[in-house]
């Protein structure tokens, strides 16, 4: 009695290709856009993890808000207030963002959670990008509140110009901060950005205060809008790079 040979029919080429695509599709995660990734983080993390320490973050936010109101009120008093206010707005608008970002990064560097976050579902870079994006939004809201409060209390200046200068200043600073942060420089390295920002703002005042103030007062709002658009694009570009950065790419 002869045994029949077991014959396996070969699948058609179309079926083979279809099965290969199915296996690849199941095995590879689809590449998410930056906005989709941040929205997913927002839904999973929410605002509970916005600050490394919620109590300190809230206290710091309200303290800086009060300090900004006091400082801007002092600057806008007396003669020549209209000339001083825009320079002051440009200088201090990034203050909240700088304070919250530095507190967050230095706190992690000094604590034991750094290694844990680098291996968690969302690593340190991704959580930092998430927080810095929210710090920027929070800073815009606080700066807007301060400017509106000053106008409401009777201080005379162009609110639209002040808001544009404030937001442009904030995104300029945050972009420079991100560039330093992505090189793995926490603490003193990032703090140098704040010191450098102050120096760069004081140099024009020392060299020619009148010209500097006149530029801030007379430059078309469209110019601020263009600079703001460019800095926002750069900011989002660096945030998206930070989200995709592997933990091993930077020694923090």
Foldseek 3Di string as FASTA:
>chain_A
DDDDDDDDDDDDPVVVVVVVVVVVPVVDDDDDDPVVVLVVCCVVVNCPVLAVDVVVLVVLLVVVLVVLLVVLVVLLDDPPSQLRNLLSLLLCLQVQLLVRLQCRQVVLVPDDCQVVQLPDPQHPLLSSLSNSVVSLVSSLVSSLVSLVVCVVVPRDYDSLLSSLSSNLSNLVLLLVLLVQVVQVDHDPSSVVSSVVSNVVSVVCCVVPVVVVSCCSRPPDSVVSVVSSVVSVVSNVVSSSVSRPDRPVPHDD
